[in-house]
Amino acid sequence: MQANGVRAFCTHGHLYSVNRSRMQLAEQAKAHECQFAFYGHTHVAKHETIGGVHVVNPGSISQSRSSIEESYVELIIDETIGQAELKLRNRQHEIIDQDKFEI
């Protein structure tokens, strides 16, 4: 998927064995020239950078499998300054965690 010059690879994580490692997922996203890789399957919210790709699991809005409550992710991109903000929100739409970074 692409918007305003930013590309994202989206998949269900079981296809890339994300329980063991997200490296294969990041490599696939990079092969498609994507800055982001979004995945599900684990129900565990996570953001990490692997090989220059922002690898993101939004968690689960109905059944979290971690100490983090049920969640979803909001991604805000400001292409004019080359910056992104990732906000992890709960069911009440409150921010649980957030991160800003260059893209």
PDB file of N, CA and C in Angstrom:
ATOM      1  N   MET A   1       0.847  -1.145   0.000  1.00  0.00           N
ATOM      2  CA  MET A   1       0.000   0.000   0.000  1.00  0.00           C
ATOM      3  C   MET A   1       0.907   1.226   0.000  1.00  0.00           C
ATOM      4  N   GLN A   2       0.443   2.299  -0.646  1.00  0.00           N
ATOM      5  CA  GLN A   2       1.263   3.500  -0.762  1.00  0.00           C
ATOM      6  C   GLN A   2       0.394   4.738  -0.594  1.00  0.00           C
ATOM      7  N   ALA A   3       0.931   5.729   0.125  1.00  0.00           N
ATOM      8  CA  ALA A   3       0.266   7.020   0.292  1.00  0.00           C
ATOM      9  C   ALA A   3       1.333   8.094   0.428  1.00  0.00           C
ATOM     10  N   ASN A   4       1.225   9.117  -0.378  1.00  0.00           N
ATOM     11  CA  ASN A   4       2.145  10.259  -0.315  1.00  0.00           C
ATOM     12  C   ASN A   4       3.614   9.848  -0.336  1.00  0.00           C
ATOM     13  N   GLY A   5       3.942   8.873  -1.167  1.00  0.00           N
ATOM     14  CA  GLY A   5       5.333   8.455  -1.307  1.00  0.00           C
ATOM     15  C   GLY A   5       5.846   7.521  -0.228  1.00  0.00           C
ATOM     16  N   VAL A   6       5.005   7.180   0.738  1.00  0.00           N
ATOM     17  CA  VAL A   6       5.396   6.244   1.793  1.00  0.00           C
ATOM     18  C   VAL A   6       4.728   4.905   1.492  1.00  0.00           C
ATOM     19  N   ARG A   7       5.538   3.855   1.522  1.00  0.00           N
ATOM     20  CA  ARG A   7       5.032   2.521   1.186  1.00  0.00           C
ATOM     21  C   ARG A   7       5.004   1.630   2.427  1.00  0.00           C
ATOM     22  N   ALA A   8       3.931   0.812   2.503  1.00  0.00           N
ATOM     23  CA  ALA A   8       3.776  -0.109   3.632  1.00  0.00           C
ATOM     24  C   ALA A   8       3.419  -1.497   3.113  1.00  0.00           C
ATOM     25  N   PHE A   9       4.017  -2.494   3.730  1.00  0.00           N
ATOM     26  CA  PHE A   9       3.742  -3.895   3.442  1.00  0.00           C
ATOM     27  C   PHE A   9       2.874  -4.412   4.583  1.00  0.00           C
ATOM     28  N   CYS A  10       1.723  -5.018   4.265  1.00  0.00           N
ATOM     29  CA  CYS A  10       0.799  -5.501   5.295  1.00  0.00           C
ATOM     30  C   CYS A  10       0.545  -6.995   5.096  1.00  0.00           C
ATOM     31  N   THR A  11       0.578  -7.741   6.195  1.00  0.00           N
ATOM     32  CA  THR A  11       0.384  -9.184   6.104  1.00  0.00           C
ATOM     33  C   THR A  11      -0.053  -9.751   7.452  1.00  0.00           C
ATOM     34  N   HIS A  12      -0.485 -10.988   7.426  1.00  0.00           N
ATOM     35  CA  HIS A  12      -0.713 -11.709   8.672  1.00  0.00           C
ATOM     36  C   HIS A  12       0.607 -12.383   9.022  1.00  0.00           C
ATOM     37  N   GLY A  13       1.060 -12.224  10.231  1.00  0.00           N
ATOM     38  CA  GLY A  13       2.407 -12.618  10.625  1.00  0.00           C
ATOM     39  C   GLY A  13       2.763 -14.080  10.503  1.00  0.00           C
ATOM     40  N   HIS A  14       1.776 -14.981  10.539  1.00  0.00           N
ATOM     41  CA  HIS A  14       2.111 -16.411  10.471  1.00  0.00           C
ATOM     42  C   HIS A  14       2.808 -16.765   9.160  1.00  0.00           C
ATOM     43  N   LEU A  15       2.584 -15.974   8.123  1.00  0.00           N
ATOM     44  CA  LEU A  15       3.213 -16.231   6.823  1.00  0.00           C
ATOM     45  C   LEU A  15       4.722 -16.006   6.857  1.00  0.00           C
ATOM     46  N   TYR A  16       5.193 -15.275   7.877  1.00  0.00           N
ATOM     47  CA  TYR A  16       6.614 -14.935   7.989  1.00  0.00           C
ATOM     48  C   TYR A  16       7.215 -15.378   9.320  1.00  0.00           C
ATOM     49  N   SER A  17       6.574 -16.299   9.996  1.00  0.00           N
ATOM     50  CA  SER A  17       7.086 -16.876  11.256  1.00  0.00           C
ATOM     51  C   SER A  17       7.495 -15.804  12.267  1.00  0.00           C
ATOM     52  N   VAL A  18       6.629 -14.815  12.473  1.00  0.00           N
ATOM     53  CA  VAL A  18       6.970 -13.673  13.330  1.00  0.00           C
ATOM     54  C   VAL A  18       7.133 -14.032  14.802  1.00  0.00           C
ATOM     55  N   ASN A  19       6.651 -15.193  15.220  1.00  0.00           N
ATOM     56  CA  ASN A  19       6.864 -15.595  16.614  1.00  0.00           C
ATOM     57  C   ASN A  19       8.339 -15.829  16.903  1.00  0.00           C
ATOM     58  N   ARG A  20       9.083 -16.244  15.889  1.00  0.00           N
ATOM     59  CA  ARG A  20      10.517 -16.501  16.053  1.00  0.00           C
ATOM     60  C   ARG A  20      11.359 -15.270  15.751  1.00  0.00           C
ATOM     61  N   SER A  21      11.046 -14.586  14.645  1.00  0.00           N
ATOM     62  CA  SER A  21      11.839 -13.433  14.221  1.00  0.00           C
ATOM     63  C   SER A  21      11.022 -12.620  13.226  1.00  0.00           C
ATOM     64  N   ARG A  22      11.243 -11.335  13.182  1.00  0.00           N
ATOM     65  CA  ARG A  22      10.591 -10.480  12.203  1.00  0.00           C
ATOM     66  C   ARG A  22      11.540 -10.128  11.051  1.00  0.00           C
ATOM     67  N   MET A  23      12.712 -10.724  11.023  1.00  0.00           N
ATOM     68  CA  MET A  23      13.708 -10.433   9.992  1.00  0.00           C
ATOM     69  C   MET A  23      13.182 -10.744   8.587  1.00  0.00           C
ATOM     70  N   GLN A  24      12.580 -11.912   8.405  1.00  0.00           N
ATOM     71  CA  GLN A  24      12.057 -12.299   7.090  1.00  0.00           C
ATOM     72  C   GLN A  24      10.984 -11.309   6.630  1.00  0.00           C
ATOM     73  N   LEU A  25      10.142 -10.875   7.542  1.00  0.00           N
ATOM     74  CA  LEU A  25       9.113  -9.890   7.224  1.00  0.00           C
ATOM     75  C   LEU A  25       9.741  -8.569   6.795  1.00  0.00           C
ATOM     76  N   ALA A  26      10.736  -8.109   7.536  1.00  0.00           N
ATOM     77  CA  ALA A  26      11.421  -6.856   7.196  1.00  0.00           C
ATOM     78  C   ALA A  26      12.102  -6.960   5.836  1.00  0.00           C
ATOM     79  N   GLU A  27      12.710  -8.101   5.553  1.00  0.00           N
ATOM     80  CA  GLU A  27      13.370  -8.299   4.258  1.00  0.00           C
ATOM     81  C   GLU A  27      12.363  -8.270   3.113  1.00  0.00           C
ATOM     82  N   GLN A  28      11.196  -8.858   3.326  1.00  0.00           N
ATOM     83  CA  GLN A  28      10.152  -8.848   2.299  1.00  0.00           C
ATOM     84  C   GLN A  28       9.655  -7.424   2.060  1.00  0.00           C
ATOM     85  N   ALA A  29       9.454  -6.665   3.131  1.00  0.00           N
ATOM     86  CA  ALA A  29       9.030  -5.268   2.991  1.00  0.00           C
ATOM     87  C   ALA A  29      10.081  -4.466   2.232  1.00  0.00           C
ATOM     88  N   LYS A  30      11.334  -4.671   2.580  1.00  0.00           N
ATOM     89  CA  LYS A  30      12.436  -3.966   1.916  1.00  0.00           C
ATOM     90  C   LYS A  30      12.494  -4.333   0.430  1.00  0.00           C
ATOM     91  N   ALA A  31      12.253  -5.594   0.101  1.00  0.00           N
ATOM     92  CA  ALA A  31      12.253  -6.040  -1.296  1.00  0.00           C
ATOM     93  C   ALA A  31      11.168  -5.335  -2.105  1.00  0.00           C
ATOM     94  N   HIS A  32      10.097  -4.912  -1.428  1.00  0.00           N
ATOM     95  CA  HIS A  32       9.014  -4.167  -2.074  1.00  0.00           C
ATOM     96  C   HIS A  32       9.186  -2.656  -1.896  1.00  0.00           C
ATOM     97  N   GLU A  33      10.371  -2.245  -1.448  1.00  0.00           N
ATOM     98  CA  GLU A  33      10.718  -0.829  -1.254  1.00  0.00           C
ATOM     99  C   GLU A  33       9.772  -0.125  -0.282  1.00  0.00           C
ATOM    100  N   CYS A  34       9.418  -0.833   0.798  1.00  0.00           N
ATOM    101  CA  CYS A  34       8.512  -0.292   1.815  1.00  0.00           C
ATOM    102  C   CYS A  34       9.292   0.193   3.033  1.00  0.00           C
ATOM    103  N   GLN A  35       8.832   1.290   3.616  1.00  0.00           N
ATOM    104  CA  GLN A  35       9.418   1.804   4.849  1.00  0.00           C
ATOM    105  C   GLN A  35       8.785   1.162   6.085  1.00  0.00           C
ATOM    106  N   PHE A  36       7.585   0.600   5.915  1.00  0.00           N
ATOM    107  CA  PHE A  36       6.842   0.006   7.024  1.00  0.00           C
ATOM    108  C   PHE A  36       6.407  -1.412   6.677  1.00  0.00           C
ATOM    109  N   ALA A  37       6.356  -2.261   7.692  1.00  0.00           N
ATOM    110  CA  ALA A  37       5.778  -3.598   7.576  1.00  0.00           C
ATOM    111  C   ALA A  37       4.811  -3.756   8.743  1.00  0.00           C
ATOM    112  N   PHE A  38       3.532  -3.913   8.438  1.00  0.00           N
ATOM    113  CA  PHE A  38       2.507  -4.115   9.463  1.00  0.00           C
ATOM    114  C   PHE A  38       2.090  -5.582   9.443  1.00  0.00           C
ATOM    115  N   TYR A  39       1.959  -6.169  10.635  1.00  0.00           N
ATOM    116  CA  TYR A  39       1.591  -7.578  10.714  1.00  0.00           C
ATOM    117  C   TYR A  39       0.708  -7.828  11.925  1.00  0.00           C
ATOM    118  N   GLY A  40       0.016  -8.941  11.879  1.00  0.00           N
ATOM    119  CA  GLY A  40      -0.799  -9.389  13.002  1.00  0.00           C
ATOM    120  C   GLY A  40      -0.327 -10.761  13.448  1.00  0.00           C
ATOM    121  N   HIS A  41      -1.205 -11.525  14.024  1.00  0.00           N
ATOM    122  CA  HIS A  41      -1.019 -12.920  14.433  1.00  0.00           C
ATOM    123  C   HIS A  41      -0.680 -13.068  15.911  1.00  0.00           C
ATOM    124  N   THR A  42       0.246 -12.300  16.452  1.00  0.00           N
ATOM    125  CA  THR A  42       0.697 -12.527  17.827  1.00  0.00           C
ATOM    126  C   THR A  42      -0.197 -11.871  18.875  1.00  0.00           C
ATOM    127  N   HIS A  43      -0.986 -10.873  18.478  1.00  0.00           N
ATOM    128  CA  HIS A  43      -1.822 -10.102  19.402  1.00  0.00           C
ATOM    129  C   HIS A  43      -0.975  -9.343  20.423  1.00  0.00           C
ATOM    130  N   VAL A  44       0.275  -9.078  20.089  1.00  0.00           N
ATOM    131  CA  VAL A  44       1.195  -8.361  20.978  1.00  0.00           C
ATOM    132  C   VAL A  44       1.671  -7.102  20.268  1.00  0.00           C
ATOM    133  N   ALA A  45       1.330  -5.940  20.827  1.00  0.00           N
ATOM    134  CA  ALA A  45       1.747  -4.670  20.227  1.00  0.00           C
ATOM    135  C   ALA A  45       3.265  -4.546  20.266  1.00  0.00           C
ATOM    136  N   LYS A  46       3.827  -4.109  19.132  1.00  0.00           N
ATOM    137  CA  LYS A  46       5.288  -4.022  19.054  1.00  0.00           C
ATOM    138  C   LYS A  46       5.679  -3.091  17.915  1.00  0.00           C
ATOM    139  N   HIS A  47       6.737  -2.307  18.137  1.00  0.00           N
ATOM    140  CA  HIS A  47       7.353  -1.496  17.080  1.00  0.00           C
ATOM    141  C   HIS A  47       8.855  -1.646  17.202  1.00  0.00           C
ATOM    142  N   GLU A  48       9.465  -2.072  16.124  1.00  0.00           N
ATOM    143  CA  GLU A  48      10.920  -2.192  16.093  1.00  0.00           C
ATOM    144  C   GLU A  48      11.402  -1.827  14.696  1.00  0.00           C
ATOM    145  N   THR A  49      12.646  -1.421  14.599  1.00  0.00           N
ATOM    146  CA  THR A  49      13.240  -1.111  13.306  1.00  0.00           C
ATOM    147  C   THR A  49      14.246  -2.204  12.975  1.00  0.00           C
ATOM    148  N   ILE A  50      14.028  -2.844  11.828  1.00  0.00           N
ATOM    149  CA  ILE A  50      14.892  -3.944  11.394  1.00  0.00           C
ATOM    150  C   ILE A  50      15.373  -3.630   9.980  1.00  0.00           C
ATOM    151  N   GLY A  51      16.663  -3.460   9.825  1.00  0.00           N
ATOM    152  CA  GLY A  51      17.216  -3.187   8.503  1.00  0.00           C
ATOM    153  C   GLY A  51      16.648  -1.947   7.855  1.00  0.00           C
ATOM    154  N   GLY A  52      16.306  -0.957   8.671  1.00  0.00           N
ATOM    155  CA  GLY A  52      15.758   0.291   8.148  1.00  0.00           C
ATOM    156  C   GLY A  52      14.255   0.279   7.922  1.00  0.00           C
ATOM    157  N   VAL A  53      13.596  -0.844   8.195  1.00  0.00           N
ATOM    158  CA  VAL A  53      12.143  -0.966   8.032  1.00  0.00           C
ATOM    159  C   VAL A  53      11.483  -0.885   9.407  1.00  0.00           C
ATOM    160  N   HIS A  54      10.452  -0.064   9.525  1.00  0.00           N
ATOM    161  CA  HIS A  54       9.679   0.015  10.770  1.00  0.00           C
ATOM    162  C   HIS A  54       8.679  -1.138  10.760  1.00  0.00           C
ATOM    163  N   VAL A  55       8.891  -2.098  11.639  1.00  0.00           N
ATOM    164  CA  VAL A  55       8.065  -3.301  11.718  1.00  0.00           C
ATOM    165  C   VAL A  55       7.086  -3.107  12.875  1.00  0.00           C
ATOM    166  N   VAL A  56       5.783  -3.161  12.559  1.00  0.00           N
ATOM    167  CA  VAL A  56       4.757  -2.768  13.526  1.00  0.00           C
ATOM    168  C   VAL A  56       3.662  -3.825  13.638  1.00  0.00           C
ATOM    169  N   ASN A  57       3.375  -4.211  14.877  1.00  0.00           N
ATOM    170  CA  ASN A  57       2.200  -5.015  15.179  1.00  0.00           C
ATOM    171  C   ASN A  57       1.299  -4.129  16.038  1.00  0.00           C
ATOM    172  N   PRO A  58       0.068  -3.855  15.593  1.00  0.00           N
ATOM    173  CA  PRO A  58      -0.815  -2.977  16.358  1.00  0.00           C
ATOM    174  C   PRO A  58      -1.391  -3.603  17.620  1.00  0.00           C
ATOM    175  N   GLY A  59      -1.101  -4.870  17.851  1.00  0.00           N
ATOM    176  CA  GLY A  59      -1.676  -5.566  19.003  1.00  0.00           C
ATOM    177  C   GLY A  59      -3.007  -6.173  18.608  1.00  0.00           C
ATOM    178  N   SER A  60      -3.965  -6.119  19.500  1.00  0.00           N
ATOM    179  CA  SER A  60      -5.299  -6.646  19.228  1.00  0.00           C
ATOM    180  C   SER A  60      -6.325  -5.755  19.909  1.00  0.00           C
ATOM    181  N   ILE A  61      -7.351  -5.390  19.187  1.00  0.00           N
ATOM    182  CA  ILE A  61      -8.396  -4.532  19.750  1.00  0.00           C
ATOM    183  C   ILE A  61      -9.358  -5.332  20.637  1.00  0.00           C
ATOM    184  N   SER A  62      -9.307  -6.680  20.534  1.00  0.00           N
ATOM    185  CA  SER A  62     -10.254  -7.476  21.315  1.00  0.00           C
ATOM    186  C   SER A  62      -9.628  -8.513  22.236  1.00  0.00           C
ATOM    187  N   GLN A  63      -8.368  -8.891  21.996  1.00  0.00           N
ATOM    188  CA  GLN A  63      -7.811  -9.995  22.781  1.00  0.00           C
ATOM    189  C   GLN A  63      -6.287  -9.894  22.875  1.00  0.00           C
ATOM    190  N   SER A  64      -5.806  -8.972  23.680  1.00  0.00           N
ATOM    191  CA  SER A  64      -4.360  -8.809  23.842  1.00  0.00           C
ATOM    192  C   SER A  64      -3.758 -10.043  24.496  1.00  0.00           C
ATOM    193  N   ARG A  65      -2.560 -10.395  24.055  1.00  0.00           N
ATOM    194  CA  ARG A  65      -1.849 -11.528  24.646  1.00  0.00           C
ATOM    195  C   ARG A  65      -0.562 -11.061  25.321  1.00  0.00           C
ATOM    196  N   SER A  66      -0.617  -9.864  25.882  1.00  0.00           N
ATOM    197  CA  SER A  66       0.550  -9.329  26.592  1.00  0.00           C
ATOM    198  C   SER A  66       0.060  -8.467  27.746  1.00  0.00           C
ATOM    199  N   SER A  67       0.989  -7.857  28.437  1.00  0.00           N
ATOM    200  CA  SER A  67       0.623  -6.974  29.545  1.00  0.00           C
ATOM    201  C   SER A  67       0.057  -5.648  29.040  1.00  0.00           C
ATOM    202  N   ILE A  68       0.213  -5.381  27.750  1.00  0.00           N
ATOM    203  CA  ILE A  68      -0.359  -4.171  27.145  1.00  0.00           C
ATOM    204  C   ILE A  68      -1.837  -4.437  26.880  1.00  0.00           C
ATOM    205  N   GLU A  69      -2.669  -3.479  27.236  1.00  0.00           N
ATOM    206  CA  GLU A  69      -4.106  -3.659  27.032  1.00  0.00           C
ATOM    207  C   GLU A  69      -4.451  -3.725  25.540  1.00  0.00           C
ATOM    208  N   GLU A  70      -5.720  -4.035  25.224  1.00  0.00           N
ATOM    209  CA  GLU A  70      -6.174  -4.102  23.845  1.00  0.00           C
ATOM    210  C   GLU A  70      -5.839  -2.785  23.148  1.00  0.00           C
ATOM    211  N   SER A  71      -5.395  -2.880  21.885  1.00  0.00           N
ATOM    212  CA  SER A  71      -4.855  -1.682  21.242  1.00  0.00           C
ATOM    213  C   SER A  71      -4.994  -1.703  19.725  1.00  0.00           C
ATOM    214  N   TYR A  72      -4.770  -0.518  19.162  1.00  0.00           N
ATOM    215  CA  TYR A  72      -4.625  -0.342  17.719  1.00  0.00           C
ATOM    216  C   TYR A  72      -3.583   0.747  17.499  1.00  0.00           C
ATOM    217  N   VAL A  73      -3.129   0.894  16.258  1.00  0.00           N
ATOM    218  CA  VAL A  73      -2.070   1.853  15.946  1.00  0.00           C
ATOM    219  C   VAL A  73      -2.596   2.942  15.025  1.00  0.00           C
ATOM    220  N   GLU A  74      -2.180   4.158  15.305  1.00  0.00           N
ATOM    221  CA  GLU A  74      -2.434   5.295  14.427  1.00  0.00           C
ATOM    222  C   GLU A  74      -1.077   5.771  13.912  1.00  0.00           C
ATOM    223  N   LEU A  75      -0.941   5.875  12.603  1.00  0.00           N
ATOM    224  CA  LEU A  75       0.300   6.340  11.993  1.00  0.00           C
ATOM    225  C   LEU A  75       0.035   7.680  11.330  1.00  0.00           C
ATOM    226  N   ILE A  76       0.794   8.692  11.731  1.00  0.00           N
ATOM    227  CA  ILE A  76       0.669  10.034  11.165  1.00  0.00           C
ATOM    228  C   ILE A  76       1.976  10.352  10.458  1.00  0.00           C
ATOM    229  N   ILE A  77       1.877  10.656   9.175  1.00  0.00           N
ATOM    230  CA  ILE A  77       3.070  10.930   8.376  1.00  0.00           C
ATOM    231  C   ILE A  77       3.056  12.379   7.920  1.00  0.00           C
ATOM    232  N   ASP A  78       4.155  13.067   8.164  1.00  0.00           N
ATOM    233  CA  ASP A  78       4.340  14.428   7.655  1.00  0.00           C
ATOM    234  C   ASP A  78       5.475  14.375   6.641  1.00  0.00           C
ATOM    235  N   GLU A  79       5.096  14.183   5.378  1.00  0.00           N
ATOM    236  CA  GLU A  79       6.114  14.034   4.340  1.00  0.00           C
ATOM    237  C   GLU A  79       6.872  15.326   4.072  1.00  0.00           C
ATOM    238  N   THR A  80       6.312  16.477   4.488  1.00  0.00           N
ATOM    239  CA  THR A  80       7.006  17.749   4.257  1.00  0.00           C
ATOM    240  C   THR A  80       8.278  17.863   5.082  1.00  0.00           C
ATOM    241  N   ILE A  81       8.305  17.194   6.246  1.00  0.00           N
ATOM    242  CA  ILE A  81       9.520  17.226   7.075  1.00  0.00           C
ATOM    243  C   ILE A  81      10.135  15.833   7.228  1.00  0.00           C
ATOM    244  N   GLY A  82       9.555  14.849   6.534  1.00  0.00           N
ATOM    245  CA  GLY A  82      10.110  13.497   6.578  1.00  0.00           C
ATOM    246  C   GLY A  82      10.031  12.860   7.945  1.00  0.00           C
ATOM    247  N   GLN A  83       8.894  13.063   8.617  1.00  0.00           N
ATOM    248  CA  GLN A  83       8.741  12.534   9.967  1.00  0.00           C
ATOM    249  C   GLN A  83       7.440  11.748  10.089  1.00  0.00           C
ATOM    250  N   ALA A  84       7.473  10.720  10.920  1.00  0.00           N
ATOM    251  CA  ALA A  84       6.278   9.929  11.206  1.00  0.00           C
ATOM    252  C   ALA A  84       6.082   9.848  12.709  1.00  0.00           C
ATOM    253  N   GLU A  85       4.835   9.712  13.098  1.00  0.00           N
ATOM    254  CA  GLU A  85       4.500   9.512  14.506  1.00  0.00           C
ATOM    255  C   GLU A  85       3.597   8.293  14.594  1.00  0.00           C
ATOM    256  N   LEU A  86       3.972   7.377  15.439  1.00  0.00           N
ATOM    257  CA  LEU A  86       3.225   6.150  15.652  1.00  0.00           C
ATOM    258  C   LEU A  86       2.591   6.234  17.036  1.00  0.00           C
ATOM    259  N   LYS A  87       1.258   6.143  17.086  1.00  0.00           N
ATOM    260  CA  LYS A  87       0.546   6.215  18.362  1.00  0.00           C
ATOM    261  C   LYS A  87      -0.170   4.895  18.608  1.00  0.00           C
ATOM    262  N   LEU A  88       0.105   4.290  19.745  1.00  0.00           N
ATOM    263  CA  LEU A  88      -0.590   3.086  20.176  1.00  0.00           C
ATOM    264  C   LEU A  88      -1.740   3.547  21.062  1.00  0.00           C
ATOM    265  N   ARG A  89      -2.967   3.185  20.678  1.00  0.00           N
ATOM    266  CA  ARG A  89      -4.156   3.646  21.405  1.00  0.00           C
ATOM    267  C   ARG A  89      -4.957   2.459  21.942  1.00  0.00           C
ATOM    268  N   ASN A  90      -5.646   2.701  23.059  1.00  0.00           N
ATOM    269  CA  ASN A  90      -6.500   1.663  23.638  1.00  0.00           C
ATOM    270  C   ASN A  90      -7.922   1.789  23.091  1.00  0.00           C
ATOM    271  N   ARG A  91      -8.827   0.976  23.600  1.00  0.00           N
ATOM    272  CA  ARG A  91     -10.215   0.979  23.126  1.00  0.00           C
ATOM    273  C   ARG A  91     -10.932   2.312  23.352  1.00  0.00           C
ATOM    274  N   GLN A  92     -10.475   3.058  24.340  1.00  0.00           N
ATOM    275  CA  GLN A  92     -11.073   4.368  24.617  1.00  0.00           C
ATOM    276  C   GLN A  92     -10.387   5.462  23.795  1.00  0.00           C
ATOM    277  N   HIS A  93      -9.521   5.055  22.875  1.00  0.00           N
ATOM    278  CA  HIS A  93      -8.786   5.950  21.971  1.00  0.00           C
ATOM    279  C   HIS A  93      -7.748   6.803  22.690  1.00  0.00           C
ATOM    280  N   GLU A  94      -7.386   6.408  23.911  1.00  0.00           N
ATOM    281  CA  GLU A  94      -6.338   7.108  24.656  1.00  0.00           C
ATOM    282  C   GLU A  94      -4.980   6.597  24.196  1.00  0.00           C
ATOM    283  N   ILE A  95      -3.992   7.489  24.195  1.00  0.00           N
ATOM    284  CA  ILE A  95      -2.646   7.095  23.795  1.00  0.00           C
ATOM    285  C   ILE A  95      -1.998   6.296  24.919  1.00  0.00           C
ATOM    286  N   ILE A  96      -1.550   5.092  24.601  1.00  0.00           N
ATOM    287  CA  ILE A  96      -0.838   4.229  25.543  1.00  0.00           C
ATOM    288  C   ILE A  96       0.662   4.467  25.423  1.00  0.00           C
ATOM    289  N   ASP A  97       1.109   4.617  24.176  1.00  0.00           N
ATOM    290  CA  ASP A  97       2.528   4.813  23.886  1.00  0.00           C
ATOM    291  C   ASP A  97       2.628   5.534  22.549  1.00  0.00           C
ATOM    292  N   GLN A  98       3.735   6.219  22.329  1.00  0.00           N
ATOM    293  CA  GLN A  98       3.937   6.883  21.044  1.00  0.00           C
ATOM    294  C   GLN A  98       5.416   7.033  20.758  1.00  0.00           C
ATOM    295  N   ASP A  99       5.711   7.191  19.478  1.00  0.00           N
ATOM    296  CA  ASP A  99       7.097   7.307  19.045  1.00  0.00           C
ATOM    297  C   ASP A  99       7.133   8.184  17.804  1.00  0.00           C
ATOM    298  N   LYS A 100       8.095   9.088  17.735  1.00  0.00           N
ATOM    299  CA  LYS A 100       8.321   9.914  16.545  1.00  0.00           C
ATOM    300  C   LYS A 100       9.663   9.533  15.960  1.00  0.00           C
ATOM    301  N   PHE A 101       9.733   9.522  14.634  1.00  0.00           N
ATOM    302  CA  PHE A 101      10.984   9.157  13.982  1.00  0.00           C
ATOM    303  C   PHE A 101      11.002   9.699  12.560  1.00  0.00           C
ATOM    304  N   GLU A 102      12.203   9.761  11.999  1.00  0.00           N
ATOM    305  CA  GLU A 102      12.364  10.202  10.616  1.00  0.00           C
ATOM    306  C   GLU A 102      12.072   9.044   9.674  1.00  0.00           C
ATOM    307  N   ILE A 103      11.541   9.403   8.503  1.00  0.00           N
ATOM    308  CA  ILE A 103      11.298   8.379   7.478  1.00  0.00           C
ATOM    309  C   ILE A 103      11.991   8.771   6.194  1.00  0.00           C
TER     310      ILE A 103
END
